[in-house]
PDB file of N, CA and C in Angstrom:
ATOM      1  N   MET A   1      -1.097  -4.618  16.352  1.00  0.00           N
ATOM      2  CA  MET A   1       0.122  -4.583  15.142  1.00  0.00           C
ATOM      3  C   MET A   1      -0.355  -4.040  14.321  1.00  0.00           C
ATOM      4  N   HIS A   2       0.301  -2.364  13.901  1.00  0.00           N
ATOM      5  CA  HIS A   2       0.522  -0.831  13.371  1.00  0.00           C
ATOM      6  C   HIS A   2       1.495  -1.856  12.676  1.00  0.00           C
ATOM      7  N   LYS A   3       2.213  -1.855  12.123  1.00  0.00           N
ATOM      8  CA  LYS A   3       2.966  -2.645  11.073  1.00  0.00           C
ATOM      9  C   LYS A   3       1.632  -2.430   9.574  1.00  0.00           C
ATOM     10  N   TYR A   4       3.053  -1.596   8.388  1.00  0.00           N
ATOM     11  CA  TYR A   4       2.384  -1.630   7.392  1.00  0.00           C
ATOM     12  C   TYR A   4       3.076  -2.028   6.131  1.00  0.00           C
ATOM     13  N   MET A   5       2.865  -2.774   4.986  1.00  0.00           N
ATOM     14  CA  MET A   5       3.469  -3.389   3.987  1.00  0.00           C
ATOM     15  C   MET A   5       3.397  -2.198   3.703  1.00  0.00           C
ATOM     16  N   THR A   6       4.641  -1.653   2.656  1.00  0.00           N
ATOM     17  CA  THR A   6       4.366  -0.411   1.539  1.00  0.00           C
ATOM     18  C   THR A   6       4.091  -0.682  -0.179  1.00  0.00           C
ATOM     19  N   VAL A   7       3.835   0.553  -0.616  1.00  0.00           N
ATOM     20  CA  VAL A   7       3.994  -0.038  -1.936  1.00  0.00           C
ATOM     21  C   VAL A   7       4.093   1.318  -2.567  1.00  0.00           C
ATOM     22  N   GLU A   8       4.792   0.836  -3.872  1.00  0.00           N
ATOM     23  CA  GLU A   8       4.656   2.366  -4.840  1.00  0.00           C
ATOM     24  C   GLU A   8       4.117   2.554  -5.414  1.00  0.00           C
ATOM     25  N   MET A   9       3.160   3.460  -5.852  1.00  0.00           N
ATOM     26  CA  MET A   9       2.334   3.303  -7.191  1.00  0.00           C
ATOM     27  C   MET A   9       2.846   4.022  -8.269  1.00  0.00           C
ATOM     28  N   PRO A  10       2.528   3.664  -9.203  1.00  0.00           N
ATOM     29  CA  PRO A  10       3.234   4.498 -10.827  1.00  0.00           C
ATOM     30  C   PRO A  10       2.994   5.338 -10.614  1.00  0.00           C
ATOM     31  N   ASP A  11       2.369   6.548 -10.357  1.00  0.00           N
ATOM     32  CA  ASP A  11       2.474   7.838 -10.021  1.00  0.00           C
ATOM     33  C   ASP A  11       3.088   7.946  -9.632  1.00  0.00           C
ATOM     34  N   GLY A  12       4.131   7.119  -8.246  1.00  0.00           N
ATOM     35  CA  GLY A  12       5.369   7.482  -7.612  1.00  0.00           C
ATOM     36  C   GLY A  12       4.644   7.651  -5.943  1.00  0.00           C
ATOM     37  N   SER A  13       3.554   7.960  -5.691  1.00  0.00           N
ATOM     38  CA  SER A  13       2.749   7.900  -4.271  1.00  0.00           C
ATOM     39  C   SER A  13       3.180   6.231  -3.747  1.00  0.00           C
ATOM     40  N   LYS A  14       3.073   7.157  -2.453  1.00  0.00           N
ATOM     41  CA  LYS A  14       3.988   5.651  -1.730  1.00  0.00           C
ATOM     42  C   LYS A  14       2.318   5.267  -1.107  1.00  0.00           C
ATOM     43  N   TRP A  15       2.121   4.409  -0.220  1.00  0.00           N
ATOM     44  CA  TRP A  15       0.936   3.506  -0.229  1.00  0.00           C
ATOM     45  C   TRP A  15       1.377   2.248   1.372  1.00  0.00           C
ATOM     46  N   GLY A  16       0.630   2.745   2.506  1.00  0.00           N
ATOM     47  CA  GLY A  16       0.424   1.201   2.625  1.00  0.00           C
ATOM     48  C   GLY A  16      -0.277   0.951   3.008  1.00  0.00           C
ATOM     49  N   VAL A  17      -0.032  -0.489   3.823  1.00  0.00           N
ATOM     50  CA  VAL A  17      -1.979  -1.678   3.783  1.00  0.00           C
ATOM     51  C   VAL A  17      -1.140  -2.682   4.814  1.00  0.00           C
ATOM     52  N   PRO A  18      -2.489  -2.922   6.640  1.00  0.00           N
ATOM     53  CA  PRO A  18      -2.496  -2.995   7.342  1.00  0.00           C
ATOM     54  C   PRO A  18      -1.844  -4.255   7.208  1.00  0.00           C
ATOM     55  N   VAL A  19      -0.058  -4.855   8.337  1.00  0.00           N
ATOM     56  CA  VAL A  19       0.681  -6.364   7.719  1.00  0.00           C
ATOM     57  C   VAL A  19      -0.935  -6.677   8.713  1.00  0.00           C
ATOM     58  N   GLU A  20      -1.867  -6.501   9.301  1.00  0.00           N
ATOM     59  CA  GLU A  20      -2.595  -7.428  10.456  1.00  0.00           C
ATOM     60  C   GLU A  20      -3.697  -7.934   9.517  1.00  0.00           C
ATOM     61  N   MET A  21      -3.990  -7.248   8.499  1.00  0.00           N
ATOM     62  CA  MET A  21      -5.246  -7.108   7.792  1.00  0.00           C
ATOM     63  C   MET A  21      -4.673  -8.849   6.099  1.00  0.00           C
ATOM     64  N   ILE A  22      -3.267  -8.435   6.816  1.00  0.00           N
ATOM     65  CA  ILE A  22      -3.085 -10.408   5.683  1.00  0.00           C
ATOM     66  C   ILE A  22      -2.488 -11.072   6.537  1.00  0.00           C
ATOM     67  N   ALA A  23      -2.525 -10.361   7.668  1.00  0.00           N
ATOM     68  CA  ALA A  23      -2.136 -12.347   8.593  1.00  0.00           C
ATOM     69  C   ALA A  23      -3.408 -12.804   8.595  1.00  0.00           C
ATOM     70  N   ARG A  24      -4.560 -11.769   8.677  1.00  0.00           N
ATOM     71  CA  ARG A  24      -5.978 -12.456   9.237  1.00  0.00           C
ATOM     72  C   ARG A  24      -6.222 -13.037   8.149  1.00  0.00           C
ATOM     73  N   SER A  25      -6.045 -12.696   6.551  1.00  0.00           N
ATOM     74  CA  SER A  25      -6.192 -13.047   5.821  1.00  0.00           C
ATOM     75  C   SER A  25      -5.864 -14.467   5.727  1.00  0.00           C
ATOM     76  N   ARG A  26      -4.432 -14.591   6.032  1.00  0.00           N
ATOM     77  CA  ARG A  26      -3.463 -16.274   5.490  1.00  0.00           C
ATOM     78  C   ARG A  26      -4.298 -16.966   6.572  1.00  0.00           C
ATOM     79  N   ALA A  27      -4.359 -16.289   8.343  1.00  0.00           N
ATOM     80  CA  ALA A  27      -4.499 -17.560   8.881  1.00  0.00           C
ATOM     81  C   ALA A  27      -6.081 -17.431   9.392  1.00  0.00           C
ATOM     82  N   ALA A  28      -7.248 -16.596   8.635  1.00  0.00           N
ATOM     83  CA  ALA A  28      -8.416 -17.936   8.165  1.00  0.00           C
ATOM     84  C   ALA A  28      -7.807 -18.775   7.374  1.00  0.00           C
ATOM     85  N   HIS A  29      -7.285 -18.740   6.470  1.00  0.00           N
ATOM     86  CA  HIS A  29      -6.954 -19.802   5.093  1.00  0.00           C
ATOM     87  C   HIS A  29      -6.474 -20.855   5.635  1.00  0.00           C
ATOM     88  N   TYR A  30      -5.478 -20.376   6.763  1.00  0.00           N
ATOM     89  CA  TYR A  30      -5.408 -21.920   7.059  1.00  0.00           C
ATOM     90  C   TYR A  30      -6.299 -22.515   9.042  1.00  0.00           C
ATOM     91  N   ALA A  31      -6.874 -21.594   9.239  1.00  0.00           N
ATOM     92  CA  ALA A  31      -7.663 -21.887  10.451  1.00  0.00           C
ATOM     93  C   ALA A  31      -8.384 -23.405  10.411  1.00  0.00           C
ATOM     94  N   SER A  32      -8.910 -23.717   8.907  1.00  0.00           N
ATOM     95  CA  SER A  32      -8.464 -25.430   8.860  1.00  0.00           C
ATOM     96  C   SER A  32      -8.007 -26.198  10.261  1.00  0.00           C
ATOM     97  N   GLU A  33      -6.536 -26.352   9.570  1.00  0.00           N
ATOM     98  CA  GLU A  33      -5.935 -26.833  10.482  1.00  0.00           C
ATOM     99  C   GLU A  33      -5.447 -26.784  12.059  1.00  0.00           C
ATOM    100  N   PHE A  34      -6.176 -25.181  12.272  1.00  0.00           N
ATOM    101  CA  PHE A  34      -6.645 -25.110  14.018  1.00  0.00           C
ATOM    102  C   PHE A  34      -7.977 -25.623  14.368  1.00  0.00           C
ATOM    103  N   ASP A  35      -9.073 -26.669  14.038  1.00  0.00           N
ATOM    104  CA  ASP A  35     -10.409 -26.774  14.304  1.00  0.00           C
ATOM    105  C   ASP A  35     -10.500 -25.874  14.072  1.00  0.00           C
ATOM    106  N   GLY A  36     -10.776 -25.299  13.103  1.00  0.00           N
ATOM    107  CA  GLY A  36     -11.531 -23.591  12.593  1.00  0.00           C
ATOM    108  C   GLY A  36     -11.042 -22.756  13.385  1.00  0.00           C
ATOM    109  N   ASP A  37     -10.914 -22.181  14.144  1.00  0.00           N
ATOM    110  CA  ASP A  37      -9.704 -21.671  15.020  1.00  0.00           C
ATOM    111  C   ASP A  37      -9.509 -20.747  14.046  1.00  0.00           C
ATOM    112  N   VAL A  38      -9.947 -19.057  14.117  1.00  0.00           N
ATOM    113  CA  VAL A  38      -8.989 -17.967  13.425  1.00  0.00           C
ATOM    114  C   VAL A  38      -7.637 -18.173  14.251  1.00  0.00           C
ATOM    115  N   GLU A  39      -7.731 -17.296  15.799  1.00  0.00           N
ATOM    116  CA  GLU A  39      -7.201 -16.923  16.012  1.00  0.00           C
ATOM    117  C   GLU A  39      -6.382 -17.497  16.786  1.00  0.00           C
ATOM    118  N   ARG A  40      -6.464 -18.511  16.753  1.00  0.00           N
ATOM    119  CA  ARG A  40      -5.155 -19.919  17.188  1.00  0.00           C
ATOM    120  C   ARG A  40      -3.973 -20.313  15.791  1.00  0.00           C
ATOM    121  N   SER A  41      -4.807 -19.784  14.707  1.00  0.00           N
ATOM    122  CA  SER A  41      -4.028 -20.090  13.496  1.00  0.00           C
ATOM    123  C   SER A  41      -2.992 -18.446  13.164  1.00  0.00           C
ATOM    124  N   LEU A  42      -3.704 -17.511  13.992  1.00  0.00           N
ATOM    125  CA  LEU A  42      -3.060 -16.540  13.466  1.00  0.00           C
ATOM    126  C   LEU A  42      -1.866 -16.348  14.794  1.00  0.00           C
ATOM    127  N   ALA A  43      -1.920 -17.154  16.152  1.00  0.00           N
ATOM    128  CA  ALA A  43      -1.432 -17.043  17.298  1.00  0.00           C
ATOM    129  C   ALA A  43       0.212 -17.931  16.924  1.00  0.00           C
ATOM    130  N   GLU A  44      -0.888 -18.923  16.599  1.00  0.00           N
ATOM    131  CA  GLU A  44       0.298 -20.253  16.996  1.00  0.00           C
ATOM    132  C   GLU A  44       1.086 -20.092  15.182  1.00  0.00           C
ATOM    133  N   ASP A  45       0.762 -19.876  13.917  1.00  0.00           N
ATOM    134  CA  ASP A  45       1.356 -19.981  13.008  1.00  0.00           C
ATOM    135  C   ASP A  45       1.589 -18.747  12.091  1.00  0.00           C
ATOM    136  N   THR A  46       0.371 -17.907  11.623  1.00  0.00           N
ATOM    137  CA  THR A  46       1.080 -17.097  10.627  1.00  0.00           C
ATOM    138  C   THR A  46       1.743 -15.833  11.458  1.00  0.00           C
ATOM    139  N   MET A  47       1.453 -15.710  12.454  1.00  0.00           N
ATOM    140  CA  MET A  47       2.105 -14.239  13.705  1.00  0.00           C
ATOM    141  C   MET A  47       3.678 -14.735  13.526  1.00  0.00           C
ATOM    142  N   PRO A  48       3.837 -16.340  13.917  1.00  0.00           N
ATOM    143  CA  PRO A  48       5.538 -16.576  13.893  1.00  0.00           C
ATOM    144  C   PRO A  48       5.577 -16.089  12.550  1.00  0.00           C
ATOM    145  N   LEU A  49       5.290 -16.628  11.823  1.00  0.00           N
ATOM    146  CA  LEU A  49       6.181 -16.473  10.101  1.00  0.00           C
ATOM    147  C   LEU A  49       5.976 -15.323   9.645  1.00  0.00           C
ATOM    148  N   PHE A  50       4.774 -14.531   9.847  1.00  0.00           N
ATOM    149  CA  PHE A  50       4.869 -13.063   9.543  1.00  0.00           C
ATOM    150  C   PHE A  50       6.690 -12.165  10.396  1.00  0.00           C
ATOM    151  N   GLU A  51       6.609 -12.076  11.617  1.00  0.00           N
ATOM    152  CA  GLU A  51       7.256 -11.862  12.341  1.00  0.00           C
ATOM    153  C   GLU A  51       9.189 -12.439  12.260  1.00  0.00           C
ATOM    154  N   SER A  52       8.485 -13.642  11.330  1.00  0.00           N
ATOM    155  CA  SER A  52      10.698 -14.047  11.337  1.00  0.00           C
ATOM    156  C   SER A  52      10.787 -13.817   9.282  1.00  0.00           C
ATOM    157  N   ASP A  53      10.160 -13.481   9.287  1.00  0.00           N
ATOM    158  CA  ASP A  53      10.616 -13.280   7.588  1.00  0.00           C
ATOM    159  C   ASP A  53       9.185 -12.353   6.464  1.00  0.00           C
ATOM    160  N   ASP A  54       9.090 -10.995   6.377  1.00  0.00           N
ATOM    161  CA  ASP A  54       8.943 -10.090   5.425  1.00  0.00           C
ATOM    162  C   ASP A  54       8.572 -10.670   4.531  1.00  0.00           C
ATOM    163  N   TYR A  55       9.163 -11.041   3.994  1.00  0.00           N
ATOM    164  CA  TYR A  55       8.882 -12.227   2.871  1.00  0.00           C
ATOM    165  C   TYR A  55       7.599 -12.884   2.370  1.00  0.00           C
ATOM    166  N   GLU A  56       7.169 -13.479   3.547  1.00  0.00           N
ATOM    167  CA  GLU A  56       6.121 -14.132   3.553  1.00  0.00           C
ATOM    168  C   GLU A  56       4.571 -13.500   3.581  1.00  0.00           C
ATOM    169  N   ILE A  57       5.015 -11.510   4.270  1.00  0.00           N
ATOM    170  CA  ILE A  57       4.034 -10.595   4.164  1.00  0.00           C
ATOM    171  C   ILE A  57       3.342 -11.125   2.796  1.00  0.00           C
ATOM    172  N   GLU A  58       4.848 -10.171   2.097  1.00  0.00           N
ATOM    173  CA  GLU A  58       4.702  -9.715   1.050  1.00  0.00           C
ATOM    174  C   GLU A  58       3.857 -10.952   0.221  1.00  0.00           C
ATOM    175  N   ASP A  59       4.558 -12.299  -0.333  1.00  0.00           N
ATOM    176  CA  ASP A  59       4.078 -13.018  -0.453  1.00  0.00           C
ATOM    177  C   ASP A  59       2.453 -13.679  -0.335  1.00  0.00           C
ATOM    178  N   TRP A  60       1.536 -14.016   0.846  1.00  0.00           N
ATOM    179  CA  TRP A  60       0.147 -13.776   1.077  1.00  0.00           C
ATOM    180  C   TRP A  60      -0.763 -12.801   0.225  1.00  0.00           C
ATOM    181  N   ALA A  61       0.357 -11.649   0.357  1.00  0.00           N
ATOM    182  CA  ALA A  61      -0.764 -10.531   0.357  1.00  0.00           C
ATOM    183  C   ALA A  61      -0.995 -10.298  -0.969  1.00  0.00           C
ATOM    184  N   VAL A  62       0.652 -10.484  -2.448  1.00  0.00           N
ATOM    185  CA  VAL A  62      -0.124 -10.346  -3.873  1.00  0.00           C
ATOM    186  C   VAL A  62      -0.062 -11.490  -4.592  1.00  0.00           C
ATOM    187  N   ASN A  63       0.003 -12.862  -3.846  1.00  0.00           N
ATOM    188  CA  ASN A  63      -0.670 -14.432  -4.320  1.00  0.00           C
ATOM    189  C   ASN A  63      -1.790 -14.070  -4.077  1.00  0.00           C
ATOM    190  N   ASN A  64      -2.333 -13.500  -2.803  1.00  0.00           N
ATOM    191  CA  ASN A  64      -3.574 -14.282  -2.009  1.00  0.00           C
ATOM    192  C   ASN A  64      -4.881 -12.896  -1.892  1.00  0.00           C
ATOM    193  N   MET A  65      -3.888 -11.533  -2.866  1.00  0.00           N
ATOM    194  CA  MET A  65      -4.921 -10.797  -1.881  1.00  0.00           C
ATOM    195  C   MET A  65      -5.782  -9.405  -2.992  1.00  0.00           C
ATOM    196  N   ASP A  66      -6.340  -8.664  -3.353  1.00  0.00           N
ATOM    197  CA  ASP A  66      -6.050  -7.649  -4.310  1.00  0.00           C
ATOM    198  C   ASP A  66      -6.228  -6.287  -3.339  1.00  0.00           C
ATOM    199  N   TRP A  67      -5.658  -5.538  -3.572  1.00  0.00           N
ATOM    200  CA  TRP A  67      -5.713  -3.485  -3.447  1.00  0.00           C
ATOM    201  C   TRP A  67      -7.579  -3.640  -2.782  1.00  0.00           C
ATOM    202  N   SER A  68      -8.202  -3.750  -3.778  1.00  0.00           N
ATOM    203  CA  SER A  68      -9.636  -4.013  -2.512  1.00  0.00           C
ATOM    204  C   SER A  68      -9.662  -4.706  -1.805  1.00  0.00           C
ATOM    205  N   ASP A  69      -9.028  -6.100  -1.646  1.00  0.00           N
ATOM    206  CA  ASP A  69      -9.517  -6.269   0.174  1.00  0.00           C
ATOM    207  C   ASP A  69      -9.136  -5.799   1.447  1.00  0.00           C
ATOM    208  N   PHE A  70      -7.956  -4.157   1.254  1.00  0.00           N
ATOM    209  CA  PHE A  70      -8.189  -3.233   1.722  1.00  0.00           C
ATOM    210  C   PHE A  70      -9.082  -2.023   1.595  1.00  0.00           C
ATOM    211  N   ASP A  71     -10.209  -1.989   1.319  1.00  0.00           N
ATOM    212  CA  ASP A  71     -11.087  -0.517   0.551  1.00  0.00           C
ATOM    213  C   ASP A  71     -11.014  -0.769   2.013  1.00  0.00           C
ATOM    214  N   GLY A  72     -10.655   1.231   2.033  1.00  0.00           N
ATOM    215  CA  GLY A  72     -10.776   1.984   3.258  1.00  0.00           C
ATOM    216  C   GLY A  72      -9.387   1.685   4.656  1.00  0.00           C
ATOM    217  N   HIS A  73      -8.593   1.091   3.767  1.00  0.00           N
ATOM    218  CA  HIS A  73      -7.785   1.101   5.379  1.00  0.00           C
ATOM    219  C   HIS A  73      -6.483   1.115   4.526  1.00  0.00           C
ATOM    220  N   GLN A  74      -6.551   1.688   3.976  1.00  0.00           N
ATOM    221  CA  GLN A  74      -5.370   2.202   2.855  1.00  0.00           C
ATOM    222  C   GLN A  74      -4.418   3.028   3.086  1.00  0.00           C
ATOM    223  N   VAL A  75      -3.594   3.424   3.120  1.00  0.00           N
ATOM    224  CA  VAL A  75      -2.726   5.486   4.334  1.00  0.00           C
ATOM    225  C   VAL A  75      -1.671   4.866   2.881  1.00  0.00           C
ATOM    226  N   LYS A  76      -1.790   6.779   2.707  1.00  0.00           N
ATOM    227  CA  LYS A  76      -1.017   7.317   1.650  1.00  0.00           C
ATOM    228  C   LYS A  76      -0.021   7.422   2.847  1.00  0.00           C
ATOM    229  N   LEU A  77       0.979   7.291   2.658  1.00  0.00           N
ATOM    230  CA  LEU A  77       2.691   7.887   2.889  1.00  0.00           C
ATOM    231  C   LEU A  77       3.168   8.472   2.250  1.00  0.00           C
ATOM    232  N   ALA A  78       3.109   8.314   0.931  1.00  0.00           N
ATOM    233  CA  ALA A  78       3.879   9.792   0.530  1.00  0.00           C
ATOM    234  C   ALA A  78       3.242  10.402  -0.597  1.00  0.00           C
ATOM    235  N   GLU A  79       3.168  11.275  -0.869  1.00  0.00           N
ATOM    236  CA  GLU A  79       2.507  11.625  -2.252  1.00  0.00           C
ATOM    237  C   GLU A  79       3.633  11.339  -3.433  1.00  0.00           C
ATOM    238  N   ALA A  80       3.289  11.689  -4.549  1.00  0.00           N
ATOM    239  CA  ALA A  80       4.268  11.491  -5.964  1.00  0.00           C
ATOM    240  C   ALA A  80       5.126  12.956  -5.762  1.00  0.00           C
ATOM    241  N   PRO A  81       6.364  12.754  -6.596  1.00  0.00           N
ATOM    242  CA  PRO A  81       6.876  13.901  -6.587  1.00  0.00           C
ATOM    243  C   PRO A  81       6.872  14.935  -7.278  1.00  0.00           C
ATOM    244  N   ALA A  82       6.953  15.628  -7.113  1.00  0.00           N
ATOM    245  CA  ALA A  82       7.171  16.616  -8.461  1.00  0.00           C
ATOM    246  C   ALA A  82       7.870  16.562  -9.257  1.00  0.00           C
ATOM    247  N   PRO A  83       6.873  15.888 -10.699  1.00  0.00           N
ATOM    248  CA  PRO A  83       7.513  15.762 -12.180  1.00  0.00           C
ATOM    249  C   PRO A  83       9.160  16.659 -12.560  1.00  0.00           C
ATOM    250  N   ASP A  84       9.535  16.802 -13.517  1.00  0.00           N
ATOM    251  CA  ASP A  84      11.436  17.241 -13.505  1.00  0.00           C
ATOM    252  C   ASP A  84      10.993  17.764 -14.734  1.00  0.00           C
ATOM    253  N   PHE A  85       9.775  18.650 -15.113  1.00  0.00           N
ATOM    254  CA  PHE A  85       9.685  19.433 -15.930  1.00  0.00           C
ATOM    255  C   PHE A  85      10.343  19.457 -17.051  1.00  0.00           C
ATOM    256  N   GLN A  86      12.114  19.989 -17.129  1.00  0.00           N
ATOM    257  CA  GLN A  86      13.118  19.942 -17.433  1.00  0.00           C
ATOM    258  C   GLN A  86      13.282  18.660 -18.229  1.00  0.00           C
ATOM    259  N   GLU A  87      13.075  17.687 -17.570  1.00  0.00           N
ATOM    260  CA  GLU A  87      13.852  16.427 -17.453  1.00  0.00           C
ATOM    261  C   GLU A  87      12.436  15.926 -18.927  1.00  0.00           C
ATOM    262  N   ALA A  88      11.809  15.944 -19.074  1.00  0.00           N
ATOM    263  CA  ALA A  88      10.157  15.650 -19.894  1.00  0.00           C
ATOM    264  C   ALA A  88      10.591  16.326 -20.903  1.00  0.00           C
ATOM    265  N   TRP A  89      10.734  17.799 -20.521  1.00  0.00           N
ATOM    266  CA  TRP A  89      10.673  18.354 -21.857  1.00  0.00           C
ATOM    267  C   TRP A  89      12.369  17.666 -23.029  1.00  0.00           C
ATOM    268  N   LEU A  90      13.396  17.543 -22.460  1.00  0.00           N
ATOM    269  CA  LEU A  90      14.890  17.257 -23.005  1.00  0.00           C
ATOM    270  C   LEU A  90      14.121  15.877 -23.458  1.00  0.00           C
ATOM    271  N   SER A  91      13.745  15.232 -22.765  1.00  0.00           N
ATOM    272  CA  SER A  91      13.767  13.795 -22.765  1.00  0.00           C
ATOM    273  C   SER A  91      11.980  13.018 -23.551  1.00  0.00           C
ATOM    274  N   GLY A  92      11.751  13.464 -22.690  1.00  0.00           N
ATOM    275  CA  GLY A  92       9.740  13.549 -22.754  1.00  0.00           C
ATOM    276  C   GLY A  92       9.480  12.360 -24.569  1.00  0.00           C
ATOM    277  N   ALA A  93       8.455  11.671 -24.638  1.00  0.00           N
ATOM    278  CA  ALA A  93       8.147  11.497 -26.034  1.00  0.00           C
ATOM    279  C   ALA A  93       7.557  12.151 -26.720  1.00  0.00           C
ATOM    280  N   LYS A  94       7.256  13.358 -27.517  1.00  0.00           N
ATOM    281  CA  LYS A  94       6.600  13.929 -28.645  1.00  0.00           C
ATOM    282  C   LYS A  94       6.107  14.163 -29.029  1.00  0.00           C
ATOM    283  N   GLY A  95       5.341  14.606 -29.842  1.00  0.00           N
ATOM    284  CA  GLY A  95       4.061  14.423 -31.163  1.00  0.00           C
ATOM    285  C   GLY A  95       3.528  16.040 -31.458  1.00  0.00           C
ATOM    286  N   TYR A  96       2.481  15.793 -31.894  1.00  0.00           N
ATOM    287  CA  TYR A  96       1.514  16.971 -32.461  1.00  0.00           C
ATOM    288  C   TYR A  96       0.044  16.766 -32.466  1.00  0.00           C
ATOM    289  N   ALA A  97      -0.405  17.871 -32.141  1.00  0.00           N
ATOM    290  CA  ALA A  97      -2.000  17.918 -31.613  1.00  0.00           C
ATOM    291  C   ALA A  97      -2.581  19.417 -31.577  1.00  0.00           C
ATOM    292  N   ALA A  98      -3.252  18.745 -32.794  1.00  0.00           N
ATOM    293  CA  ALA A  98      -3.886  19.926 -33.453  1.00  0.00           C
ATOM    294  C   ALA A  98      -5.252  20.676 -32.327  1.00  0.00           C
TER     295      ALA A  98
END
């Protein structure tokens, strides 16, 4: 599986994390229901669920994993867009500094 779940970061950059890592996390959690067999849990339960509903992927990842769980496996898909300096000049928060 070479599918990525994408997330837009606060700076506007877009990143992807491997769905396979999310699936393995879930399969490991439910392996006890498959005699401790993670591969069977993955094949018989998690993969069919994830293939039928993308929401299940996001739900598991957000509620059961941390960004650090993907350490080194995150992929930057798009840079942050260039700032619109004119718009910021017109509507950005103003202040003073010495």
